[in-house]
Amino acid sequence: MDVTSGPVWIDGEVVAGADAMVHVLNPSLHYGWGAYEGIRFYPSRTPELDGPLVFRLREHIRRLVNSSRALGMTVPHTEEELIRACADMALRSGLSSGYLRPLVFLREGAMSVAGQLDQVRVAIGCWAWSGYLPDADHGIRVRTSGWVRSGPAQLPPSVKSTGGYINPSLARLEAVRGGDHEAILLNQAGRVAEASAANVFALLDGVLVTPPVSEGILPGITRDAVLTMAADVGVPTEERPLAPADLRMADEVLLAGTAMELVAVTTLDGLPVGGGSAGPVFTTLRAEFDKAITGQLPARRDWVTDVTSVLDTVSP
């Protein structure tokens, strides 16, 4: 599907994709001033919810607003307005499952490296999602990148900024060109940070370990879901630094992010991880995740937002 073919919510109005245009001299295009989110929605698999169901919509919108504020940009819409707009776009798409992309960027009219941060626009697009990684169901091949994750003194890793993604994008491009699916970046101390668009988990001696936020990672929303689901099914978890050797010794390595969902790493730097196939912890967590995103996990029903109910109950 052509992502430009559908309608776009922009500055409070829904316009045809062909009309959702910005000037080529927009400062965000030139200097990377922007914040964004990737949000998935899924069909409901429970009679109590009509669907589509947006996964952790409120958390995504809150992070969008917080990322914008961290960059000095004030979003000219309330969180409730953006939640309603996302629900509206999902419903307008006619898709049972798809991808929402809210984007905060600067208004054109002036050009400066510093940016006119009081001139802010917001757009939301929606398209069908065909999968972030090919053939991910049976595990993926990952390599340790030669690119180092940008540190907090360079670009705040806890902020989901548009300009900040050139760093992990270079890492993933390196991996794909080398025949792998994904890259894992190390931080400036040489410890494991994250993948290009996902958080990293390693199963070590029966404990599911992931780097803490202090290691220079994005505090992923799916990462939080994995930690919660692991506790629900009795898998011990720990947030602590990981050395590259920890991944090589792990019984399982998992990646978690909105775009790729939850995938098993079966090959790392050309060597098999564990038994070389998806392990039992991944299989259990993936099953829980699939239930959660379709509304079939009663204890985590608050993770999904039924777009129909949002549009029925939230005032314009």
C-alpha atoms as a PDB file:
ATOM      1  CA  MET A   1       0.000   0.000   0.000  1.00  0.00           C
ATOM      2  CA  ASP A   2       1.199   3.487  -0.884  1.00  0.00           C
ATOM      3  CA  VAL A   3       1.438   5.295   2.463  1.00  0.00           C
ATOM      4  CA  THR A   4       0.667   8.625   0.748  1.00  0.00           C
ATOM      5  CA  SER A   5      -2.659   7.519  -0.755  1.00  0.00           C
ATOM      6  CA  GLY A   6      -4.895   7.790   2.323  1.00  0.00           C
ATOM      7  CA  PRO A   7      -6.245  10.854   4.080  1.00  0.00           C
ATOM      8  CA  VAL A   8      -4.153  12.736   6.625  1.00  0.00           C
ATOM      9  CA  TRP A   9      -5.183  14.570   9.783  1.00  0.00           C
ATOM     10  CA  ILE A  10      -3.205  17.795   9.808  1.00  0.00           C
ATOM     11  CA  ASP A  11      -3.589  20.745  12.162  1.00  0.00           C
ATOM     12  CA  GLY A  12      -7.052  19.617  13.210  1.00  0.00           C
ATOM     13  CA  GLU A  13      -8.492  18.870   9.759  1.00  0.00           C
ATOM     14  CA  VAL A  14      -8.643  15.731   7.622  1.00  0.00           C
ATOM     15  CA  VAL A  15      -7.404  16.289   4.080  1.00  0.00           C
ATOM     16  CA  ALA A  16      -6.702  14.085   1.086  1.00  0.00           C
ATOM     17  CA  GLY A  17      -3.203  12.658   1.009  1.00  0.00           C
ATOM     18  CA  ALA A  18      -2.360  14.709  -2.070  1.00  0.00           C
ATOM     19  CA  ASP A  19      -3.198  17.888  -0.144  1.00  0.00           C
ATOM     20  CA  ALA A  20      -1.120  17.048   2.965  1.00  0.00           C
ATOM     21  CA  MET A  21       1.889  18.987   1.792  1.00  0.00           C
ATOM     22  CA  VAL A  22       4.608  21.107   3.389  1.00  0.00           C
ATOM     23  CA  HIS A  23       7.049  23.466   1.702  1.00  0.00           C
ATOM     24  CA  VAL A  24      10.417  22.091   0.599  1.00  0.00           C
ATOM     25  CA  LEU A  25      12.019  24.786   2.772  1.00  0.00           C
ATOM     26  CA  ASN A  26      10.356  23.517   5.926  1.00  0.00           C
ATOM     27  CA  PRO A  27      12.944  23.783   8.741  1.00  0.00           C
ATOM     28  CA  SER A  28      12.104  20.323  10.123  1.00  0.00           C
ATOM     29  CA  LEU A  29      13.087  18.787   6.792  1.00  0.00           C
ATOM     30  CA  HIS A  30      16.440  20.571   6.904  1.00  0.00           C
ATOM     31  CA  TYR A  31      17.395  20.267  10.567  1.00  0.00           C
ATOM     32  CA  GLY A  32      15.467  17.284  11.934  1.00  0.00           C
ATOM     33  CA  TRP A  33      13.282  19.235  14.368  1.00  0.00           C
ATOM     34  CA  GLY A  34      10.425  16.862  15.074  1.00  0.00           C
ATOM     35  CA  ALA A  35       8.941  14.192  17.306  1.00  0.00           C
ATOM     36  CA  TYR A  36       6.891  11.219  16.225  1.00  0.00           C
ATOM     37  CA  GLU A  37       5.245   7.978  17.278  1.00  0.00           C
ATOM     38  CA  GLY A  38       4.495   4.691  15.579  1.00  0.00           C
ATOM     39  CA  ILE A  39       1.251   3.172  16.845  1.00  0.00           C
ATOM     40  CA  ARG A  40      -0.323  -0.139  15.829  1.00  0.00           C
ATOM     41  CA  PHE A  41      -3.971  -1.160  15.806  1.00  0.00           C
ATOM     42  CA  TYR A  42      -5.423  -4.644  15.531  1.00  0.00           C
ATOM     43  CA  PRO A  43      -8.759  -6.429  15.060  1.00  0.00           C
ATOM     44  CA  SER A  44     -10.712  -7.277  18.171  1.00  0.00           C
ATOM     45  CA  ARG A  45     -10.858 -10.985  19.024  1.00  0.00           C
ATOM     46  CA  THR A  46     -13.322 -10.609  21.877  1.00  0.00           C
ATOM     47  CA  PRO A  47     -17.095  -9.955  21.677  1.00  0.00           C
ATOM     48  CA  GLU A  48     -16.892  -7.233  24.336  1.00  0.00           C
ATOM     49  CA  LEU A  49     -14.953  -4.896  22.028  1.00  0.00           C
ATOM     50  CA  ASP A  50     -15.886  -3.826  18.496  1.00  0.00           C
ATOM     51  CA  GLY A  51     -12.462  -2.687  17.343  1.00  0.00           C
ATOM     52  CA  PRO A  52     -10.182  -1.854  15.756  1.00  0.00           C
ATOM     53  CA  LEU A  53      -8.093  -1.817  18.939  1.00  0.00           C
ATOM     54  CA  VAL A  54      -5.176   0.603  19.237  1.00  0.00           C
ATOM     55  CA  PHE A  55      -2.344  -0.763  21.367  1.00  0.00           C
ATOM     56  CA  ARG A  56      -1.414   1.530  24.263  1.00  0.00           C
ATOM     57  CA  LEU A  57      -2.665   4.640  22.501  1.00  0.00           C
ATOM     58  CA  ARG A  58      -2.605   6.922  25.530  1.00  0.00           C
ATOM     59  CA  GLU A  59       0.965   5.971  26.410  1.00  0.00           C
ATOM     60  CA  HIS A  60       2.106   6.690  22.862  1.00  0.00           C
ATOM     61  CA  ILE A  61       0.401  10.076  22.758  1.00  0.00           C
ATOM     62  CA  ARG A  62       1.792  11.014  26.163  1.00  0.00           C
ATOM     63  CA  ARG A  63       5.305  10.133  24.975  1.00  0.00           C
ATOM     64  CA  LEU A  64       4.771  12.190  21.805  1.00  0.00           C
ATOM     65  CA  VAL A  65       3.828  15.228  23.864  1.00  0.00           C
ATOM     66  CA  ASN A  66       6.712  14.685  26.293  1.00  0.00           C
ATOM     67  CA  SER A  67       9.234  14.207  23.478  1.00  0.00           C
ATOM     68  CA  SER A  68       8.037  17.443  21.894  1.00  0.00           C
ATOM     69  CA  ARG A  69       8.377  19.309  25.167  1.00  0.00           C
ATOM     70  CA  ALA A  70      11.883  17.942  25.682  1.00  0.00           C
ATOM     71  CA  LEU A  71      12.795  19.449  22.303  1.00  0.00           C
ATOM     72  CA  GLY A  72      11.229  22.761  23.300  1.00  0.00           C
ATOM     73  CA  MET A  73       8.120  22.387  21.129  1.00  0.00           C
ATOM     74  CA  THR A  74       4.643  22.812  22.603  1.00  0.00           C
ATOM     75  CA  VAL A  75       2.013  20.666  20.892  1.00  0.00           C
ATOM     76  CA  PRO A  76      -0.979  22.875  20.004  1.00  0.00           C
ATOM     77  CA  HIS A  77      -3.507  20.129  20.790  1.00  0.00           C
ATOM     78  CA  THR A  78      -4.511  18.332  23.961  1.00  0.00           C
ATOM     79  CA  GLU A  79      -3.765  14.654  24.470  1.00  0.00           C
ATOM     80  CA  GLU A  80      -7.493  13.909  24.252  1.00  0.00           C
ATOM     81  CA  GLU A  81      -7.721  15.704  20.901  1.00  0.00           C
ATOM     82  CA  LEU A  82      -4.832  13.641  19.548  1.00  0.00           C
ATOM     83  CA  ILE A  83      -6.309  10.406  20.905  1.00  0.00           C
ATOM     84  CA  ARG A  84      -9.577  11.168  19.175  1.00  0.00           C
ATOM     85  CA  ALA A  85      -7.775  12.097  15.953  1.00  0.00           C
ATOM     86  CA  CYS A  86      -5.864   8.784  15.958  1.00  0.00           C
ATOM     87  CA  ALA A  87      -9.073   6.848  16.560  1.00  0.00           C
ATOM     88  CA  ASP A  88     -10.767   8.763  13.737  1.00  0.00           C
ATOM     89  CA  MET A  89      -7.921   8.023  11.320  1.00  0.00           C
ATOM     90  CA  ALA A  90      -7.948   4.314  12.185  1.00  0.00           C
ATOM     91  CA  LEU A  91     -11.695   4.161  11.578  1.00  0.00           C
ATOM     92  CA  ARG A  92     -11.516   6.183   8.345  1.00  0.00           C
ATOM     93  CA  SER A  93      -8.874   3.821   6.978  1.00  0.00           C
ATOM     94  CA  GLY A  94     -11.357   0.952   6.850  1.00  0.00           C
ATOM     95  CA  LEU A  95      -8.538  -1.343   7.987  1.00  0.00           C
ATOM     96  CA  SER A  96      -8.897  -3.961  10.689  1.00  0.00           C
ATOM     97  CA  SER A  97      -5.180  -3.627  11.446  1.00  0.00           C
ATOM     98  CA  GLY A  98      -2.735  -0.900  10.531  1.00  0.00           C
ATOM     99  CA  TYR A  99      -0.216   1.710  11.560  1.00  0.00           C
ATOM    100  CA  LEU A 100      -0.694   5.277  12.791  1.00  0.00           C
ATOM    101  CA  ARG A 101       2.041   7.899  12.492  1.00  0.00           C
ATOM    102  CA  PRO A 102       1.563  11.106  14.524  1.00  0.00           C
ATOM    103  CA  LEU A 103       4.249  13.682  13.691  1.00  0.00           C
ATOM    104  CA  VAL A 104       5.054  16.979  15.394  1.00  0.00           C
ATOM    105  CA  PHE A 105       7.129  19.369  13.279  1.00  0.00           C
ATOM    106  CA  LEU A 106       7.847  23.055  12.720  1.00  0.00           C
ATOM    107  CA  ARG A 107       5.866  25.411  10.537  1.00  0.00           C
ATOM    108  CA  GLU A 108       7.585  26.734   7.427  1.00  0.00           C
ATOM    109  CA  GLY A 109       8.324  30.445   7.009  1.00  0.00           C
ATOM    110  CA  ALA A 110      11.674  30.841   8.730  1.00  0.00           C
ATOM    111  CA  MET A 111      14.925  28.925   8.480  1.00  0.00           C
ATOM    112  CA  SER A 112      17.261  28.526  11.414  1.00  0.00           C
ATOM    113  CA  VAL A 113      19.329  25.782  13.020  1.00  0.00           C
ATOM    114  CA  ALA A 114      17.796  26.836  16.363  1.00  0.00           C
ATOM    115  CA  GLY A 115      14.273  26.770  14.949  1.00  0.00           C
ATOM    116  CA  GLN A 116      11.180  28.801  15.784  1.00  0.00           C
ATOM    117  CA  LEU A 117       9.843  26.394  18.374  1.00  0.00           C
ATOM    118  CA  ASP A 118       6.613  28.298  18.942  1.00  0.00           C
ATOM    119  CA  GLN A 119       5.542  27.510  15.363  1.00  0.00           C
ATOM    120  CA  VAL A 120       4.422  23.894  15.626  1.00  0.00           C
ATOM    121  CA  ARG A 121       2.245  21.688  13.417  1.00  0.00           C
ATOM    122  CA  VAL A 122       0.883  18.171  13.916  1.00  0.00           C
ATOM    123  CA  ALA A 123      -0.021  15.545  11.322  1.00  0.00           C
ATOM    124  CA  ILE A 124      -1.332  11.979  11.622  1.00  0.00           C
ATOM    125  CA  GLY A 125      -1.172   9.452   8.825  1.00  0.00           C
ATOM    126  CA  CYS A 126      -2.460   5.879   8.656  1.00  0.00           C
ATOM    127  CA  TRP A 127      -1.663   2.934   6.436  1.00  0.00           C
ATOM    128  CA  ALA A 128      -1.791  -0.842   6.209  1.00  0.00           C
ATOM    129  CA  TRP A 129       1.105  -2.638   7.867  1.00  0.00           C
ATOM    130  CA  SER A 130       2.793  -5.470   6.020  1.00  0.00           C
ATOM    131  CA  GLY A 131       5.400  -6.256   8.660  1.00  0.00           C
ATOM    132  CA  TYR A 132       8.642  -4.622   9.739  1.00  0.00           C
ATOM    133  CA  LEU A 133      10.867  -7.655   9.215  1.00  0.00           C
ATOM    134  CA  PRO A 134      10.516 -10.383   6.576  1.00  0.00           C
ATOM    135  CA  ASP A 135      10.119 -13.974   7.775  1.00  0.00           C
ATOM    136  CA  ALA A 136      10.317 -12.910  11.433  1.00  0.00           C
ATOM    137  CA  ASP A 137       8.016 -15.669  12.677  1.00  0.00           C
ATOM    138  CA  HIS A 138      10.880 -18.179  12.800  1.00  0.00           C
ATOM    139  CA  GLY A 139      13.483 -15.827  14.249  1.00  0.00           C
ATOM    140  CA  ILE A 140      15.810 -13.218  12.807  1.00  0.00           C
ATOM    141  CA  ARG A 141      19.493 -12.693  12.123  1.00  0.00           C
ATOM    142  CA  VAL A 142      21.084  -9.811  14.020  1.00  0.00           C
ATOM    143  CA  ARG A 143      24.560  -8.309  14.077  1.00  0.00           C
ATOM    144  CA  THR A 144      26.353  -6.047  16.526  1.00  0.00           C
ATOM    145  CA  SER A 145      26.689  -2.717  14.763  1.00  0.00           C
ATOM    146  CA  GLY A 146      29.856  -0.730  14.228  1.00  0.00           C
ATOM    147  CA  TRP A 147      27.783   2.383  14.869  1.00  0.00           C
ATOM    148  CA  VAL A 148      27.586   3.540  18.491  1.00  0.00           C
ATOM    149  CA  ARG A 149      24.273   4.648  20.008  1.00  0.00           C
ATOM    150  CA  SER A 150      24.128   8.415  20.464  1.00  0.00           C
ATOM    151  CA  GLY A 151      24.634   9.339  24.094  1.00  0.00           C
ATOM    152  CA  PRO A 152      22.486  11.566  26.321  1.00  0.00           C
ATOM    153  CA  ALA A 153      24.921  14.464  25.935  1.00  0.00           C
ATOM    154  CA  GLN A 154      24.491  14.294  22.132  1.00  0.00           C
ATOM    155  CA  LEU A 155      20.843  13.427  21.492  1.00  0.00           C
ATOM    156  CA  PRO A 156      18.491  12.509  24.335  1.00  0.00           C
ATOM    157  CA  PRO A 157      17.781   8.791  23.715  1.00  0.00           C
ATOM    158  CA  SER A 158      14.605   8.934  25.811  1.00  0.00           C
ATOM    159  CA  VAL A 159      13.119  11.358  23.253  1.00  0.00           C
ATOM    160  CA  LYS A 160      11.594   9.916  20.080  1.00  0.00           C
ATOM    161  CA  SER A 161      12.885  12.616  17.738  1.00  0.00           C
ATOM    162  CA  THR A 162      12.957  12.529  13.956  1.00  0.00           C
ATOM    163  CA  GLY A 163      16.541  13.755  13.660  1.00  0.00           C
ATOM    164  CA  GLY A 164      17.743  11.274  16.255  1.00  0.00           C
ATOM    165  CA  TYR A 165      16.799   8.281  14.117  1.00  0.00           C
ATOM    166  CA  ILE A 166      19.549   8.763  11.556  1.00  0.00           C
ATOM    167  CA  ASN A 167      21.888   7.056  14.054  1.00  0.00           C
ATOM    168  CA  PRO A 168      20.000   3.728  14.380  1.00  0.00           C
ATOM    169  CA  SER A 169      18.958   3.922  10.725  1.00  0.00           C
ATOM    170  CA  LEU A 170      22.619   3.808   9.678  1.00  0.00           C
ATOM    171  CA  ALA A 171      23.082   0.764  11.908  1.00  0.00           C
ATOM    172  CA  ARG A 172      20.152  -1.105  10.390  1.00  0.00           C
ATOM    173  CA  LEU A 173      21.220  -0.221   6.858  1.00  0.00           C
ATOM    174  CA  GLU A 174      24.633  -1.693   7.629  1.00  0.00           C
ATOM    175  CA  ALA A 175      22.995  -4.898   8.879  1.00  0.00           C
ATOM    176  CA  VAL A 176      20.599  -5.294   5.959  1.00  0.00           C
ATOM    177  CA  ARG A 177      23.326  -4.707   3.406  1.00  0.00           C
ATOM    178  CA  GLY A 178      25.340  -7.406   5.153  1.00  0.00           C
ATOM    179  CA  GLY A 179      22.515  -9.945   4.837  1.00  0.00           C
ATOM    180  CA  ASP A 180      21.035  -9.657   8.337  1.00  0.00           C
ATOM    181  CA  HIS A 181      17.651  -8.423   9.485  1.00  0.00           C
ATOM    182  CA  GLU A 182      18.564  -6.046  12.280  1.00  0.00           C
ATOM    183  CA  ALA A 183      21.382  -4.427  14.238  1.00  0.00           C
ATOM    184  CA  ILE A 184      22.127  -4.060  17.928  1.00  0.00           C
ATOM    185  CA  LEU A 185      23.915  -0.865  18.894  1.00  0.00           C
ATOM    186  CA  LEU A 186      26.279  -0.581  21.823  1.00  0.00           C
ATOM    187  CA  ASN A 187      26.436   2.539  23.958  1.00  0.00           C
ATOM    188  CA  GLN A 188      29.537   4.660  24.436  1.00  0.00           C
ATOM    189  CA  ALA A 189      30.673   2.430  27.308  1.00  0.00           C
ATOM    190  CA  GLY A 190      30.632  -0.613  25.000  1.00  0.00           C
ATOM    191  CA  ARG A 191      27.537  -2.160  26.616  1.00  0.00           C
ATOM    192  CA  VAL A 192      24.319  -3.218  24.888  1.00  0.00           C
ATOM    193  CA  ALA A 193      21.943  -0.332  24.220  1.00  0.00           C
ATOM    194  CA  GLU A 194      19.136  -1.264  21.819  1.00  0.00           C
ATOM    195  CA  ALA A 195      18.299  -2.350  18.294  1.00  0.00           C
ATOM    196  CA  SER A 196      17.515   0.174  15.565  1.00  0.00           C
ATOM    197  CA  ALA A 197      13.843   0.356  16.522  1.00  0.00           C
ATOM    198  CA  ALA A 198      13.441  -2.062  19.416  1.00  0.00           C
ATOM    199  CA  ASN A 199      14.594  -2.854  22.924  1.00  0.00           C
ATOM    200  CA  VAL A 200      16.780  -5.877  23.713  1.00  0.00           C
ATOM    201  CA  PHE A 201      16.114  -8.723  26.161  1.00  0.00           C
ATOM    202  CA  ALA A 202      18.398 -11.626  27.055  1.00  0.00           C
ATOM    203  CA  LEU A 203      17.446 -14.759  28.975  1.00  0.00           C
ATOM    204  CA  LEU A 204      20.341 -15.470  31.357  1.00  0.00           C
ATOM    205  CA  ASP A 205      20.085 -18.258  33.947  1.00  0.00           C
ATOM    206  CA  GLY A 206      16.296 -18.137  33.753  1.00  0.00           C
ATOM    207  CA  VAL A 207      16.075 -14.349  34.225  1.00  0.00           C
ATOM    208  CA  LEU A 208      14.892 -12.055  31.428  1.00  0.00           C
ATOM    209  CA  VAL A 209      17.347  -9.140  31.494  1.00  0.00           C
ATOM    210  CA  THR A 210      17.064  -5.815  29.661  1.00  0.00           C
ATOM    211  CA  PRO A 211      19.247  -2.691  29.839  1.00  0.00           C
ATOM    212  CA  PRO A 212      17.908   0.076  32.100  1.00  0.00           C
ATOM    213  CA  VAL A 213      17.016   3.504  30.750  1.00  0.00           C
ATOM    214  CA  SER A 214      20.284   4.825  32.207  1.00  0.00           C
ATOM    215  CA  GLU A 215      22.165   2.835  29.528  1.00  0.00           C
ATOM    216  CA  GLY A 216      20.960   5.304  26.898  1.00  0.00           C
ATOM    217  CA  ILE A 217      17.858   3.628  25.507  1.00  0.00           C
ATOM    218  CA  LEU A 218      14.372   4.671  24.543  1.00  0.00           C
ATOM    219  CA  PRO A 219      12.007   3.509  27.323  1.00  0.00           C
ATOM    220  CA  GLY A 220       9.910   1.468  24.929  1.00  0.00           C
ATOM    221  CA  ILE A 221       6.191   1.010  25.435  1.00  0.00           C
ATOM    222  CA  THR A 222       6.363  -2.570  24.145  1.00  0.00           C
ATOM    223  CA  ARG A 223       9.407  -3.063  26.401  1.00  0.00           C
ATOM    224  CA  ASP A 224       7.224  -2.166  29.367  1.00  0.00           C
ATOM    225  CA  ALA A 225       4.568  -4.591  28.134  1.00  0.00           C
ATOM    226  CA  VAL A 226       7.117  -7.421  27.921  1.00  0.00           C
ATOM    227  CA  LEU A 227       8.335  -6.787  31.465  1.00  0.00           C
ATOM    228  CA  THR A 228       4.744  -6.793  32.697  1.00  0.00           C
ATOM    229  CA  MET A 229       3.728  -9.931  30.784  1.00  0.00           C
ATOM    230  CA  ALA A 230       6.839 -11.767  31.961  1.00  0.00           C
ATOM    231  CA  ALA A 231       5.869 -11.057  35.565  1.00  0.00           C
ATOM    232  CA  ASP A 232       2.321 -12.218  34.804  1.00  0.00           C
ATOM    233  CA  VAL A 233       3.525 -15.625  33.559  1.00  0.00           C
ATOM    234  CA  GLY A 234       6.166 -16.093  36.254  1.00  0.00           C
ATOM    235  CA  VAL A 235       9.336 -15.257  34.325  1.00  0.00           C
ATOM    236  CA  PRO A 236      11.771 -13.306  36.553  1.00  0.00           C
ATOM    237  CA  THR A 237      12.997 -10.017  35.071  1.00  0.00           C
ATOM    238  CA  GLU A 238      15.854  -7.650  35.816  1.00  0.00           C
ATOM    239  CA  GLU A 239      16.914  -4.282  34.460  1.00  0.00           C
ATOM    240  CA  ARG A 240      20.716  -4.127  34.456  1.00  0.00           C
ATOM    241  CA  PRO A 241      23.563  -3.415  32.037  1.00  0.00           C
ATOM    242  CA  LEU A 242      24.344  -6.098  29.462  1.00  0.00           C
ATOM    243  CA  ALA A 243      27.763  -6.758  27.956  1.00  0.00           C
ATOM    244  CA  PRO A 244      27.962  -7.991  24.346  1.00  0.00           C
ATOM    245  CA  ALA A 245      29.207 -11.335  25.719  1.00  0.00           C
ATOM    246  CA  ASP A 246      25.964 -11.686  27.697  1.00  0.00           C
ATOM    247  CA  LEU A 247      24.028 -11.868  24.446  1.00  0.00           C
ATOM    248  CA  ARG A 248      26.341 -14.590  23.136  1.00  0.00           C
ATOM    249  CA  MET A 249      25.848 -16.630  26.303  1.00  0.00           C
ATOM    250  CA  ALA A 250      22.103 -16.101  26.522  1.00  0.00           C
ATOM    251  CA  ASP A 251      19.659 -18.965  26.137  1.00  0.00           C
ATOM    252  CA  GLU A 252      17.323 -16.598  24.292  1.00  0.00           C
ATOM    253  CA  VAL A 253      17.557 -13.068  22.894  1.00  0.00           C
ATOM    254  CA  LEU A 254      14.376 -11.121  22.139  1.00  0.00           C
ATOM    255  CA  LEU A 255      13.669  -7.770  20.506  1.00  0.00           C
ATOM    256  CA  ALA A 256      10.543  -5.770  21.341  1.00  0.00           C
ATOM    257  CA  GLY A 257       9.133  -2.660  19.688  1.00  0.00           C
ATOM    258  CA  THR A 258       5.891  -1.322  18.267  1.00  0.00           C
ATOM    259  CA  ALA A 259       6.865  -1.869  14.640  1.00  0.00           C
ATOM    260  CA  MET A 260       8.362  -5.368  14.946  1.00  0.00           C
ATOM    261  CA  GLU A 261       6.238  -6.364  17.973  1.00  0.00           C
ATOM    262  CA  LEU A 262       8.109  -9.232  19.696  1.00  0.00           C
ATOM    263  CA  VAL A 263      10.644 -11.333  17.773  1.00  0.00           C
ATOM    264  CA  ALA A 264      13.243 -13.947  18.645  1.00  0.00           C
ATOM    265  CA  VAL A 265      16.881 -13.518  17.650  1.00  0.00           C
ATOM    266  CA  THR A 266      18.143 -16.884  16.441  1.00  0.00           C
ATOM    267  CA  THR A 267      21.491 -15.793  14.986  1.00  0.00           C
ATOM    268  CA  LEU A 268      23.820 -13.135  16.423  1.00  0.00           C
ATOM    269  CA  ASP A 269      26.970 -12.126  14.565  1.00  0.00           C
ATOM    270  CA  GLY A 270      26.733 -15.302  12.507  1.00  0.00           C
ATOM    271  CA  LEU A 271      26.438 -17.642  15.501  1.00  0.00           C
ATOM    272  CA  PRO A 272      23.297 -19.389  16.782  1.00  0.00           C
ATOM    273  CA  VAL A 273      21.606 -18.021  19.885  1.00  0.00           C
ATOM    274  CA  GLY A 274      20.726 -20.807  22.323  1.00  0.00           C
ATOM    275  CA  GLY A 275      19.430 -23.697  20.262  1.00  0.00           C
ATOM    276  CA  GLY A 276      19.235 -21.580  17.108  1.00  0.00           C
ATOM    277  CA  SER A 277      15.449 -21.342  17.166  1.00  0.00           C
ATOM    278  CA  ALA A 278      12.753 -19.467  19.075  1.00  0.00           C
ATOM    279  CA  GLY A 279      12.807 -20.583  22.705  1.00  0.00           C
ATOM    280  CA  PRO A 280      10.032 -21.341  25.205  1.00  0.00           C
ATOM    281  CA  VAL A 281      10.109 -17.948  26.947  1.00  0.00           C
ATOM    282  CA  PHE A 282       9.698 -16.147  23.640  1.00  0.00           C
ATOM    283  CA  THR A 283       6.898 -18.520  22.626  1.00  0.00           C
ATOM    284  CA  THR A 284       5.031 -17.905  25.891  1.00  0.00           C
ATOM    285  CA  LEU A 285       5.460 -14.128  25.780  1.00  0.00           C
ATOM    286  CA  ARG A 286       4.524 -13.921  22.116  1.00  0.00           C
ATOM    287  CA  ALA A 287       1.308 -15.824  22.807  1.00  0.00           C
ATOM    288  CA  GLU A 288       0.489 -13.426  25.666  1.00  0.00           C
ATOM    289  CA  PHE A 289       1.278 -10.450  23.450  1.00  0.00           C
ATOM    290  CA  ASP A 290      -1.001 -11.712  20.672  1.00  0.00           C
ATOM    291  CA  LYS A 291      -3.831 -12.016  23.190  1.00  0.00           C
ATOM    292  CA  ALA A 292      -3.138  -8.582  24.640  1.00  0.00           C
ATOM    293  CA  ILE A 293      -3.216  -6.677  21.334  1.00  0.00           C
ATOM    294  CA  THR A 294      -6.539  -8.247  20.322  1.00  0.00           C
ATOM    295  CA  GLY A 295      -8.288  -7.686  23.645  1.00  0.00           C
ATOM    296  CA  GLN A 296      -8.142 -11.323  24.807  1.00  0.00           C
ATOM    297  CA  LEU A 297      -6.052 -10.695  27.919  1.00  0.00           C
ATOM    298  CA  PRO A 298      -8.569  -9.474  30.535  1.00  0.00           C
ATOM    299  CA  ALA A 299      -5.891  -8.395  33.016  1.00  0.00           C
ATOM    300  CA  ARG A 300      -4.394  -6.101  30.348  1.00  0.00           C
ATOM    301  CA  ARG A 301      -7.576  -4.860  28.709  1.00  0.00           C
ATOM    302  CA  ASP A 302      -6.529  -1.290  29.534  1.00  0.00           C
ATOM    303  CA  TRP A 303      -3.685  -1.647  27.022  1.00  0.00           C
ATOM    304  CA  VAL A 304      -6.092  -1.444  24.085  1.00  0.00           C
ATOM    305  CA  THR A 305      -8.317   1.426  23.033  1.00  0.00           C
ATOM    306  CA  ASP A 306     -11.457   0.573  21.094  1.00  0.00           C
ATOM    307  CA  VAL A 307     -11.661   3.320  18.459  1.00  0.00           C
ATOM    308  CA  THR A 308     -15.444   3.080  18.285  1.00  0.00           C
ATOM    309  CA  SER A 309     -15.833   3.776  21.984  1.00  0.00           C
ATOM    310  CA  VAL A 310     -13.397   6.711  21.802  1.00  0.00           C
ATOM    311  CA  LEU A 311     -15.358   8.372  19.031  1.00  0.00           C
ATOM    312  CA  ASP A 312     -18.624   7.738  20.889  1.00  0.00           C
ATOM    313  CA  THR A 313     -17.485   9.132  24.229  1.00  0.00           C
ATOM    314  CA  VAL A 314     -14.844  11.830  23.603  1.00  0.00           C
ATOM    315  CA  SER A 315     -16.267  15.223  22.801  1.00  0.00           C
ATOM    316  CA  PRO A 316     -14.957  16.927  19.635  1.00  0.00           C
END
